[in-house]
PDB file of all heavy atoms in Angstrom:
ATOM      1  N   CYS A   1      91.118  96.512  92.379  1.00  0.00           N
ATOM      2  CA  CYS A   1      91.849  97.781  92.283  1.00  0.00           C
ATOM      3  C   CYS A   1      93.125  97.804  93.125  1.00  0.00           C
ATOM      4  O   CYS A   1      93.938  98.719  92.984  1.00  0.00           O
ATOM      5  CB  CYS A   1      90.950  98.946  92.687  1.00  0.00           C
ATOM      6  SG  CYS A   1      89.602  99.226  91.523  1.00  0.00           S
ATOM      7  N   SER A   2      93.303  96.821  93.974  1.00  0.00           N
ATOM      8  CA  SER A   2      94.481  96.784  94.849  1.00  0.00           C
ATOM      9  C   SER A   2      95.706  96.322  94.063  1.00  0.00           C
ATOM     10  O   SER A   2      95.614  95.904  92.909  1.00  0.00           O
ATOM     11  CB  SER A   2      94.230  95.834  96.021  1.00  0.00           C
ATOM     12  OG  SER A   2      94.347  94.482  95.606  1.00  0.00           O
ATOM     13  N   GLY A   3      96.826  96.340  94.746  1.00  0.00           N
ATOM     14  CA  GLY A   3      98.060  95.863  94.140  1.00  0.00           C
ATOM     15  C   GLY A   3      98.182  94.348  94.117  1.00  0.00           C
ATOM     16  O   GLY A   3      99.071  93.809  93.466  1.00  0.00           O
ATOM     17  N   ALA A   4      97.285  93.647  94.810  1.00  0.00           N
ATOM     18  CA  ALA A   4      97.348  92.187  94.852  1.00  0.00           C
ATOM     19  C   ALA A   4      97.079  91.607  93.465  1.00  0.00           C
ATOM     20  O   ALA A   4      96.154  92.021  92.780  1.00  0.00           O
ATOM     21  CB  ALA A   4      96.322  91.644  95.849  1.00  0.00           C
ATOM     22  N   SER A   5      97.903  90.648  93.066  1.00  0.00           N
ATOM     23  CA  SER A   5      97.689  90.011  91.765  1.00  0.00           C
ATOM     24  C   SER A   5      96.929  88.694  91.889  1.00  0.00           C
ATOM     25  O   SER A   5      96.461  88.154  90.897  1.00  0.00           O
ATOM     26  CB  SER A   5      99.023  89.793  91.053  1.00  0.00           C
ATOM     27  OG  SER A   5      99.902  89.040  91.852  1.00  0.00           O
ATOM     28  N   VAL A   6      96.807  88.193  93.130  1.00  0.00           N
ATOM     29  CA  VAL A   6      96.053  86.966  93.396  1.00  0.00           C
ATOM     30  C   VAL A   6      94.934  87.294  94.380  1.00  0.00           C
ATOM     31  O   VAL A   6      95.145  87.989  95.368  1.00  0.00           O
ATOM     32  CB  VAL A   6      96.959  85.860  93.991  1.00  0.00           C
ATOM     33  CG1 VAL A   6      96.145  84.623  94.343  1.00  0.00           C
ATOM     34  CG2 VAL A   6      98.079  85.503  93.016  1.00  0.00           C
ATOM     35  N   ILE A   7      93.746  86.780  94.078  1.00  0.00           N
ATOM     36  CA  ILE A   7      92.581  86.993  94.932  1.00  0.00           C
ATOM     37  C   ILE A   7      92.027  85.640  95.362  1.00  0.00           C
ATOM     38  O   ILE A   7      91.795  84.766  94.529  1.00  0.00           O
ATOM     39  CB  ILE A   7      91.494  87.816  94.194  1.00  0.00           C
ATOM     40  CG1 ILE A   7      92.035  89.213  93.878  1.00  0.00           C
ATOM     41  CG2 ILE A   7      90.209  87.882  95.018  1.00  0.00           C
ATOM     42  CD1 ILE A   7      91.129  90.059  93.009  1.00  0.00           C
ATOM     43  N   PHE A   8      91.857  85.479  96.677  1.00  0.00           N
ATOM     44  CA  PHE A   8      91.178  84.315  97.223  1.00  0.00           C
ATOM     45  C   PHE A   8      89.743  84.738  97.487  1.00  0.00           C
ATOM     46  O   PHE A   8      89.501  85.657  98.264  1.00  0.00           O
ATOM     47  CB  PHE A   8      91.792  83.866  98.543  1.00  0.00           C
ATOM     48  CG  PHE A   8      93.106  83.137  98.444  1.00  0.00           C
ATOM     49  CD1 PHE A   8      93.729  82.884  97.237  1.00  0.00           C
ATOM     50  CD2 PHE A   8      93.724  82.693  99.608  1.00  0.00           C
ATOM     51  CE1 PHE A   8      94.940  82.211  97.171  1.00  0.00           C
ATOM     52  CE2 PHE A   8      94.924  82.018  99.559  1.00  0.00           C
ATOM     53  CZ  PHE A   8      95.541  81.773  98.348  1.00  0.00           C
ATOM     54  N   LEU A   9      88.802  84.093  96.840  1.00  0.00           N
ATOM     55  CA  LEU A   9      87.387  84.336  97.083  1.00  0.00           C
ATOM     56  C   LEU A   9      86.956  83.388  98.197  1.00  0.00           C
ATOM     57  O   LEU A   9      86.803  82.188  97.989  1.00  0.00           O
ATOM     58  CB  LEU A   9      86.582  84.114  95.812  1.00  0.00           C
ATOM     59  CG  LEU A   9      85.105  84.438  95.865  1.00  0.00           C
ATOM     60  CD1 LEU A   9      84.861  85.881  96.294  1.00  0.00           C
ATOM     61  CD2 LEU A   9      84.462  84.175  94.507  1.00  0.00           C
ATOM     62  N   ILE A  10      86.794  83.951  99.394  1.00  0.00           N
ATOM     63  CA  ILE A  10      86.526  83.134 100.577  1.00  0.00           C
ATOM     64  C   ILE A  10      85.046  82.775 100.691  1.00  0.00           C
ATOM     65  O   ILE A  10      84.704  81.641 100.993  1.00  0.00           O
ATOM     66  CB  ILE A  10      87.012  83.848 101.861  1.00  0.00           C
ATOM     67  CG1 ILE A  10      88.493  84.242 101.739  1.00  0.00           C
ATOM     68  CG2 ILE A  10      86.761  82.992 103.097  1.00  0.00           C
ATOM     69  CD1 ILE A  10      89.450  83.084 101.545  1.00  0.00           C
ATOM     70  N   HIS A  11      84.172  83.741 100.455  1.00  0.00           N
ATOM     71  CA  HIS A  11      82.730  83.489 100.542  1.00  0.00           C
ATOM     72  C   HIS A  11      82.061  83.900  99.239  1.00  0.00           C
ATOM     73  O   HIS A  11      82.345  84.966  98.704  1.00  0.00           O
ATOM     74  CB  HIS A  11      82.089  84.290 101.691  1.00  0.00           C
ATOM     75  CG  HIS A  11      82.513  83.832 103.042  1.00  0.00           C
ATOM     76  ND1 HIS A  11      81.993  82.713 103.634  1.00  0.00           N
ATOM     77  CD2 HIS A  11      83.402  84.340 103.915  1.00  0.00           C
ATOM     78  CE1 HIS A  11      82.559  82.550 104.818  1.00  0.00           C
ATOM     79  NE2 HIS A  11      83.423  83.524 105.008  1.00  0.00           N
ATOM     80  N   ALA A  12      81.182  83.044  98.759  1.00  0.00           N
ATOM     81  CA  ALA A  12      80.369  83.338  97.586  1.00  0.00           C
ATOM     82  C   ALA A  12      79.213  82.342  97.585  1.00  0.00           C
ATOM     83  O   ALA A  12      79.155  81.437  98.418  1.00  0.00           O
ATOM     84  CB  ALA A  12      81.189  83.210  96.297  1.00  0.00           C
ATOM     85  N   ASP A  13      78.308  82.520  96.651  1.00  0.00           N
ATOM     86  CA  ASP A  13      77.203  81.579  96.544  1.00  0.00           C
ATOM     87  C   ASP A  13      76.933  81.269  95.087  1.00  0.00           C
ATOM     88  O   ASP A  13      77.517  81.872  94.186  1.00  0.00           O
ATOM     89  CB  ASP A  13      75.956  82.104  97.273  1.00  0.00           C
ATOM     90  CG  ASP A  13      75.402  83.383  96.674  1.00  0.00           C
ATOM     91  OD1 ASP A  13      75.185  83.444  95.445  1.00  0.00           O
ATOM     92  OD2 ASP A  13      75.160  84.332  97.452  1.00  0.00           O
ATOM     93  N   ILE A  14      76.048  80.344  94.880  1.00  0.00           N
ATOM     94  CA  ILE A  14      75.761  79.851  93.534  1.00  0.00           C
ATOM     95  C   ILE A  14      75.265  80.965  92.603  1.00  0.00           C
ATOM     96  O   ILE A  14      75.449  80.897  91.398  1.00  0.00           O
ATOM     97  CB  ILE A  14      74.765  78.673  93.597  1.00  0.00           C
ATOM     98  CG1 ILE A  14      74.732  77.923  92.277  1.00  0.00           C
ATOM     99  CG2 ILE A  14      73.399  79.144  94.046  1.00  0.00           C
ATOM    100  CD1 ILE A  14      74.001  76.606  92.332  1.00  0.00           C
ATOM    101  N   PHE A  15      74.685  82.030  93.176  1.00  0.00           N
ATOM    102  CA  PHE A  15      74.149  83.106  92.353  1.00  0.00           C
ATOM    103  C   PHE A  15      75.197  84.129  91.931  1.00  0.00           C
ATOM    104  O   PHE A  15      75.034  84.766  90.896  1.00  0.00           O
ATOM    105  CB  PHE A  15      73.004  83.817  93.079  1.00  0.00           C
ATOM    106  CG  PHE A  15      71.805  82.932  93.266  1.00  0.00           C
ATOM    107  CD1 PHE A  15      71.500  82.421  94.514  1.00  0.00           C
ATOM    108  CD2 PHE A  15      70.996  82.587  92.193  1.00  0.00           C
ATOM    109  CE1 PHE A  15      70.408  81.586  94.690  1.00  0.00           C
ATOM    110  CE2 PHE A  15      69.906  81.747  92.358  1.00  0.00           C
ATOM    111  CZ  PHE A  15      69.602  81.245  93.611  1.00  0.00           C
ATOM    112  N   ASN A  16      76.261  84.320  92.718  1.00  0.00           N
ATOM    113  CA  ASN A  16      77.230  85.357  92.354  1.00  0.00           C
ATOM    114  C   ASN A  16      78.596  84.811  91.957  1.00  0.00           C
ATOM    115  O   ASN A  16      79.439  85.554  91.460  1.00  0.00           O
ATOM    116  CB  ASN A  16      77.395  86.373  93.502  1.00  0.00           C
ATOM    117  CG  ASN A  16      77.951  85.781  94.784  1.00  0.00           C
ATOM    118  OD1 ASN A  16      78.468  84.680  94.821  1.00  0.00           O
ATOM    119  ND2 ASN A  16      77.855  86.546  95.862  1.00  0.00           N
ATOM    120  N   LEU A  17      78.832  83.550  92.131  1.00  0.00           N
ATOM    121  CA  LEU A  17      80.148  82.963  91.933  1.00  0.00           C
ATOM    122  C   LEU A  17      80.714  83.172  90.528  1.00  0.00           C
ATOM    123  O   LEU A  17      81.833  83.666  90.361  1.00  0.00           O
ATOM    124  CB  LEU A  17      80.097  81.469  92.266  1.00  0.00           C
ATOM    125  CG  LEU A  17      81.397  80.699  92.208  1.00  0.00           C
ATOM    126  CD1 LEU A  17      82.414  81.279  93.178  1.00  0.00           C
ATOM    127  CD2 LEU A  17      81.156  79.228  92.510  1.00  0.00           C
ATOM    128  N   LYS A  18      79.967  82.818  89.511  1.00  0.00           N
ATOM    129  CA  LYS A  18      80.472  82.923  88.127  1.00  0.00           C
ATOM    130  C   LYS A  18      80.757  84.375  87.765  1.00  0.00           C
ATOM    131  O   LYS A  18      81.815  84.677  87.181  1.00  0.00           O
ATOM    132  CB  LYS A  18      79.482  82.310  87.142  1.00  0.00           C
ATOM    133  CG  LYS A  18      79.917  82.459  85.679  1.00  0.00           C
ATOM    134  CD  LYS A  18      80.190  81.146  85.049  1.00  0.00           C
ATOM    135  CE  LYS A  18      80.521  81.245  83.582  1.00  0.00           C
ATOM    136  NZ  LYS A  18      81.936  81.483  83.329  1.00  0.00           N
ATOM    137  N   ASP A  19      79.847  85.289  88.117  1.00  0.00           N
ATOM    138  CA  ASP A  19      80.067  86.706  87.797  1.00  0.00           C
ATOM    139  C   ASP A  19      81.327  87.244  88.469  1.00  0.00           C
ATOM    140  O   ASP A  19      82.100  87.982  87.846  1.00  0.00           O
ATOM    141  CB  ASP A  19      78.859  87.552  88.213  1.00  0.00           C
ATOM    142  CG  ASP A  19      77.631  87.297  87.346  1.00  0.00           C
ATOM    143  OD1 ASP A  19      77.792  86.780  86.212  1.00  0.00           O
ATOM    144  OD2 ASP A  19      76.521  87.604  87.811  1.00  0.00           O
ATOM    145  N   ILE A  20      81.551  86.870  89.729  1.00  0.00           N
ATOM    146  CA  ILE A  20      82.728  87.352  90.444  1.00  0.00           C
ATOM    147  C   ILE A  20      84.001  86.790  89.811  1.00  0.00           C
ATOM    148  O   ILE A  20      84.962  87.529  89.557  1.00  0.00           O
ATOM    149  CB  ILE A  20      82.662  86.991  91.940  1.00  0.00           C
ATOM    150  CG1 ILE A  20      81.526  87.765  92.626  1.00  0.00           C
ATOM    151  CG2 ILE A  20      83.998  87.286  92.625  1.00  0.00           C
ATOM    152  CD1 ILE A  20      81.243  87.301  94.044  1.00  0.00           C
ATOM    153  N   VAL A  21      84.028  85.502  89.548  1.00  0.00           N
ATOM    154  CA  VAL A  21      85.213  84.884  88.946  1.00  0.00           C
ATOM    155  C   VAL A  21      85.493  85.504  87.582  1.00  0.00           C
ATOM    156  O   VAL A  21      86.636  85.861  87.268  1.00  0.00           O
ATOM    157  CB  VAL A  21      85.064  83.353  88.864  1.00  0.00           C
ATOM    158  CG1 VAL A  21      86.150  82.737  87.995  1.00  0.00           C
ATOM    159  CG2 VAL A  21      85.089  82.747  90.263  1.00  0.00           C
ATOM    160  N   ASP A  22      84.460  85.671  86.763  1.00  0.00           N
ATOM    161  CA  ASP A  22      84.648  86.281  85.443  1.00  0.00           C
ATOM    162  C   ASP A  22      85.179  87.706  85.556  1.00  0.00           C
ATOM    163  O   ASP A  22      86.051  88.120  84.781  1.00  0.00           O
ATOM    164  CB  ASP A  22      83.335  86.279  84.652  1.00  0.00           C
ATOM    165  CG  ASP A  22      82.923  84.882  84.199  1.00  0.00           C
ATOM    166  OD1 ASP A  22      83.744  83.939  84.282  1.00  0.00           O
ATOM    167  OD2 ASP A  22      81.751  84.737  83.773  1.00  0.00           O
ATOM    168  N   LYS A  23      84.679  88.458  86.514  1.00  0.00           N
ATOM    169  CA  LYS A  23      85.113  89.845  86.707  1.00  0.00           C
ATOM    170  C   LYS A  23      86.582  89.911  87.114  1.00  0.00           C
ATOM    171  O   LYS A  23      87.345  90.723  86.597  1.00  0.00           O
ATOM    172  CB  LYS A  23      84.234  90.510  87.774  1.00  0.00           C
ATOM    173  CG  LYS A  23      84.486  91.977  87.970  1.00  0.00           C
ATOM    174  CD  LYS A  23      83.468  92.549  88.959  1.00  0.00           C
ATOM    175  CE  LYS A  23      83.500  94.048  88.968  1.00  0.00           C
ATOM    176  NZ  LYS A  23      82.466  94.625  89.830  1.00  0.00           N
ATOM    177  N   VAL A  24      86.975  89.045  88.029  1.00  0.00           N
ATOM    178  CA  VAL A  24      88.376  89.030  88.465  1.00  0.00           C
ATOM    179  C   VAL A  24      89.283  88.620  87.315  1.00  0.00           C
ATOM    180  O   VAL A  24      90.313  89.258  87.062  1.00  0.00           O
ATOM    181  CB  VAL A  24      88.574  88.095  89.679  1.00  0.00           C
ATOM    182  CG1 VAL A  24      90.056  87.937  90.006  1.00  0.00           C
ATOM    183  CG2 VAL A  24      87.814  88.614  90.894  1.00  0.00           C
ATOM    184  N   LYS A  25      88.907  87.584  86.599  1.00  0.00           N
ATOM    185  CA  LYS A  25      89.741  87.124  85.489  1.00  0.00           C
ATOM    186  C   LYS A  25      89.829  88.181  84.382  1.00  0.00           C
ATOM    187  O   LYS A  25      90.895  88.368  83.798  1.00  0.00           O
ATOM    188  CB  LYS A  25      89.212  85.792  84.954  1.00  0.00           C
ATOM    189  CG  LYS A  25      89.460  84.647  85.945  1.00  0.00           C
ATOM    190  CD  LYS A  25      88.913  83.340  85.467  1.00  0.00           C
ATOM    191  CE  LYS A  25      89.934  82.674  84.580  1.00  0.00           C
ATOM    192  NZ  LYS A  25      89.549  81.302  84.216  1.00  0.00           N
ATOM    193  N   ALA A  26      88.725  88.906  84.136  1.00  0.00           N
ATOM    194  CA  ALA A  26      88.737  89.964  83.125  1.00  0.00           C
ATOM    195  C   ALA A  26      89.682  91.100  83.517  1.00  0.00           C
ATOM    196  O   ALA A  26      90.210  91.803  82.648  1.00  0.00           O
ATOM    197  CB  ALA A  26      87.324  90.501  82.901  1.00  0.00           C
ATOM    198  N   SER A  27      89.917  91.260  84.814  1.00  0.00           N
ATOM    199  CA  SER A  27      90.827  92.307  85.281  1.00  0.00           C
ATOM    200  C   SER A  27      92.292  91.901  85.118  1.00  0.00           C
ATOM    201  O   SER A  27      93.188  92.702  85.355  1.00  0.00           O
ATOM    202  CB  SER A  27      90.547  92.633  86.756  1.00  0.00           C
ATOM    203  OG  SER A  27      91.081  91.626  87.602  1.00  0.00           O
ATOM    204  N   GLY A  28      92.523  90.648  84.758  1.00  0.00           N
ATOM    205  CA  GLY A  28      93.885  90.160  84.587  1.00  0.00           C
ATOM    206  C   GLY A  28      94.484  89.564  85.846  1.00  0.00           C
ATOM    207  O   GLY A  28      95.647  89.180  85.869  1.00  0.00           O
ATOM    208  N   LYS A  29      93.675  89.473  86.904  1.00  0.00           N
ATOM    209  CA  LYS A  29      94.169  88.914  88.162  1.00  0.00           C
ATOM    210  C   LYS A  29      93.815  87.431  88.251  1.00  0.00           C
ATOM    211  O   LYS A  29      92.963  86.933  87.516  1.00  0.00           O
ATOM    212  CB  LYS A  29      93.584  89.685  89.343  1.00  0.00           C
ATOM    213  CG  LYS A  29      94.000  91.156  89.279  1.00  0.00           C
ATOM    214  CD  LYS A  29      93.909  91.858  90.568  1.00  0.00           C
ATOM    215  CE  LYS A  29      94.375  93.295  90.360  1.00  0.00           C
ATOM    216  NZ  LYS A  29      95.018  93.834  91.522  1.00  0.00           N
ATOM    217  N   THR A  30      94.485  86.761  89.150  1.00  0.00           N
ATOM    218  CA  THR A  30      94.285  85.340  89.377  1.00  0.00           C
ATOM    219  C   THR A  30      93.277  85.160  90.507  1.00  0.00           C
ATOM    220  O   THR A  30      93.348  85.855  91.511  1.00  0.00           O
ATOM    221  CB  THR A  30      95.637  84.702  89.758  1.00  0.00           C
ATOM    222  OG1 THR A  30      96.564  84.946  88.701  1.00  0.00           O
ATOM    223  CG2 THR A  30      95.508  83.220  89.983  1.00  0.00           C
ATOM    224  N   VAL A  31      92.344  84.209  90.341  1.00  0.00           N
ATOM    225  CA  VAL A  31      91.315  84.001  91.364  1.00  0.00           C
ATOM    226  C   VAL A  31      91.206  82.522  91.722  1.00  0.00           C
ATOM    227  O   VAL A  31      91.171  81.657  90.854  1.00  0.00           O
ATOM    228  CB  VAL A  31      89.940  84.556  90.914  1.00  0.00           C
ATOM    229  CG1 VAL A  31      89.429  83.874  89.658  1.00  0.00           C
ATOM    230  CG2 VAL A  31      88.916  84.474  92.032  1.00  0.00           C
ATOM    231  N   LEU A  32      91.199  82.279  93.027  1.00  0.00           N
ATOM    232  CA  LEU A  32      90.988  80.943  93.556  1.00  0.00           C
ATOM    233  C   LEU A  32      89.775  80.987  94.472  1.00  0.00           C
ATOM    234  O   LEU A  32      89.582  81.957  95.202  1.00  0.00           O
ATOM    235  CB  LEU A  32      92.206  80.452  94.341  1.00  0.00           C
ATOM    236  CG  LEU A  32      93.426  80.165  93.464  1.00  0.00           C
ATOM    237  CD1 LEU A  32      94.347  81.347  93.431  1.00  0.00           C
ATOM    238  CD2 LEU A  32      94.133  78.929  93.949  1.00  0.00           C
ATOM    239  N   ILE A  33      88.986  79.926  94.442  1.00  0.00           N
ATOM    240  CA  ILE A  33      87.759  79.848  95.233  1.00  0.00           C
ATOM    241  C   ILE A  33      87.984  78.926  96.427  1.00  0.00           C
ATOM    242  O   ILE A  33      88.436  77.787  96.258  1.00  0.00           O
ATOM    243  CB  ILE A  33      86.599  79.278  94.391  1.00  0.00           C
ATOM    244  CG1 ILE A  33      86.323  80.143  93.178  1.00  0.00           C
ATOM    245  CG2 ILE A  33      85.349  79.120  95.243  1.00  0.00           C
ATOM    246  CD1 ILE A  33      85.379  79.476  92.192  1.00  0.00           C
ATOM    247  N   HIS A  34      87.638  79.418  97.613  1.00  0.00           N
ATOM    248  CA  HIS A  34      87.659  78.555  98.806  1.00  0.00           C
ATOM    249  C   HIS A  34      86.341  77.781  98.785  1.00  0.00           C
ATOM    250  O   HIS A  34      85.294  78.321  99.136  1.00  0.00           O
ATOM    251  CB  HIS A  34      87.797  79.390 100.074  1.00  0.00           C
ATOM    252  CG  HIS A  34      88.196  78.571 101.251  1.00  0.00           C
ATOM    253  ND1 HIS A  34      87.581  77.389 101.598  1.00  0.00           N
ATOM    254  CD2 HIS A  34      89.185  78.746 102.151  1.00  0.00           C
ATOM    255  CE1 HIS A  34      88.156  76.886 102.657  1.00  0.00           C
ATOM    256  NE2 HIS A  34      89.143  77.697 103.021  1.00  0.00           N
ATOM    257  N   ILE A  35      86.403  76.531  98.379  1.00  0.00           N
ATOM    258  CA  ILE A  35      85.174  75.773  98.143  1.00  0.00           C
ATOM    259  C   ILE A  35      84.480  75.324  99.420  1.00  0.00           C
ATOM    260  O   ILE A  35      83.299  74.973  99.382  1.00  0.00           O
ATOM    261  CB  ILE A  35      85.399  74.586  97.183  1.00  0.00           C
ATOM    262  CG1 ILE A  35      86.381  73.575  97.763  1.00  0.00           C
ATOM    263  CG2 ILE A  35      85.882  75.087  95.838  1.00  0.00           C
ATOM    264  CD1 ILE A  35      86.515  72.300  96.933  1.00  0.00           C
ATOM    265  N   ASP A  36      85.171  75.367 100.549  1.00  0.00           N
ATOM    266  CA  ASP A  36      84.533  74.951 101.805  1.00  0.00           C
ATOM    267  C   ASP A  36      83.413  75.900 102.216  1.00  0.00           C
ATOM    268  O   ASP A  36      82.512  75.509 102.956  1.00  0.00           O
ATOM    269  CB  ASP A  36      85.554  74.876 102.946  1.00  0.00           C
ATOM    270  CG  ASP A  36      86.649  73.854 102.710  1.00  0.00           C
ATOM    271  OD1 ASP A  36      86.633  73.155 101.679  1.00  0.00           O
ATOM    272  OD2 ASP A  36      87.550  73.767 103.571  1.00  0.00           O
ATOM    273  N   PHE A  37      83.490  77.152 101.770  1.00  0.00           N
ATOM    274  CA  PHE A  37      82.530  78.161 102.207  1.00  0.00           C
ATOM    275  C   PHE A  37      81.511  78.550 101.140  1.00  0.00           C
ATOM    276  O   PHE A  37      80.771  79.505 101.331  1.00  0.00           O
ATOM    277  CB  PHE A  37      83.262  79.419 102.682  1.00  0.00           C
ATOM    278  CG  PHE A  37      84.165  79.182 103.857  1.00  0.00           C
ATOM    279  CD1 PHE A  37      85.498  79.507 103.798  1.00  0.00           C
ATOM    280  CD2 PHE A  37      83.667  78.616 105.030  1.00  0.00           C
ATOM    281  CE1 PHE A  37      86.329  79.294 104.881  1.00  0.00           C
ATOM    282  CE2 PHE A  37      84.495  78.390 106.113  1.00  0.00           C
ATOM    283  CZ  PHE A  37      85.835  78.732 106.041  1.00  0.00           C
ATOM    284  N   LEU A  38      81.477  77.837 100.036  1.00  0.00           N
ATOM    285  CA  LEU A  38      80.494  78.145  98.996  1.00  0.00           C
ATOM    286  C   LEU A  38      79.095  77.775  99.457  1.00  0.00           C
ATOM    287  O   LEU A  38      78.884  76.701 100.026  1.00  0.00           O
ATOM    288  CB  LEU A  38      80.795  77.366  97.717  1.00  0.00           C
ATOM    289  CG  LEU A  38      81.959  77.851  96.887  1.00  0.00           C
ATOM    290  CD1 LEU A  38      82.131  76.942  95.666  1.00  0.00           C
ATOM    291  CD2 LEU A  38      81.771  79.281  96.452  1.00  0.00           C
ATOM    292  N   GLU A  39      78.160  78.651  99.183  1.00  0.00           N
ATOM    293  CA  GLU A  39      76.771  78.371  99.525  1.00  0.00           C
ATOM    294  C   GLU A  39      76.006  77.960  98.268  1.00  0.00           C
ATOM    295  O   GLU A  39      76.193  78.532  97.203  1.00  0.00           O
ATOM    296  CB  GLU A  39      76.125  79.607 100.137  1.00  0.00           C
ATOM    297  CG  GLU A  39      76.737  79.989 101.481  1.00  0.00           C
ATOM    298  CD  GLU A  39      76.067  81.198 102.079  1.00  0.00           C
ATOM    299  OE1 GLU A  39      74.824  81.277 102.060  1.00  0.00           O
ATOM    300  OE2 GLU A  39      76.801  82.076 102.567  1.00  0.00           O
ATOM    301  N   GLY A  40      75.174  76.958  98.404  1.00  0.00           N
ATOM    302  CA  GLY A  40      74.313  76.545  97.312  1.00  0.00           C
ATOM    303  C   GLY A  40      74.872  75.428  96.452  1.00  0.00           C
ATOM    304  O   GLY A  40      74.204  74.944  95.552  1.00  0.00           O
ATOM    305  N   LEU A  41      76.099  75.023  96.712  1.00  0.00           N
ATOM    306  CA  LEU A  41      76.693  73.886  96.004  1.00  0.00           C
ATOM    307  C   LEU A  41      77.000  72.803  97.025  1.00  0.00           C
ATOM    308  O   LEU A  41      77.385  73.101  98.155  1.00  0.00           O
ATOM    309  CB  LEU A  41      77.990  74.284  95.301  1.00  0.00           C
ATOM    310  CG  LEU A  41      77.859  75.133  94.049  1.00  0.00           C
ATOM    311  CD1 LEU A  41      79.238  75.541  93.540  1.00  0.00           C
ATOM    312  CD2 LEU A  41      77.119  74.379  92.956  1.00  0.00           C
TER     313      LEU A  41
END
């Protein structure tokens, strides 16, 4: 909902990652995942 057009997903896990990325992309915003902090992969 913010004015930011790019979102860095800093923390996520194997259970919520795909849903979050899909949700951000569906909003028309750009999403990048910080892979160093992913849990479960």
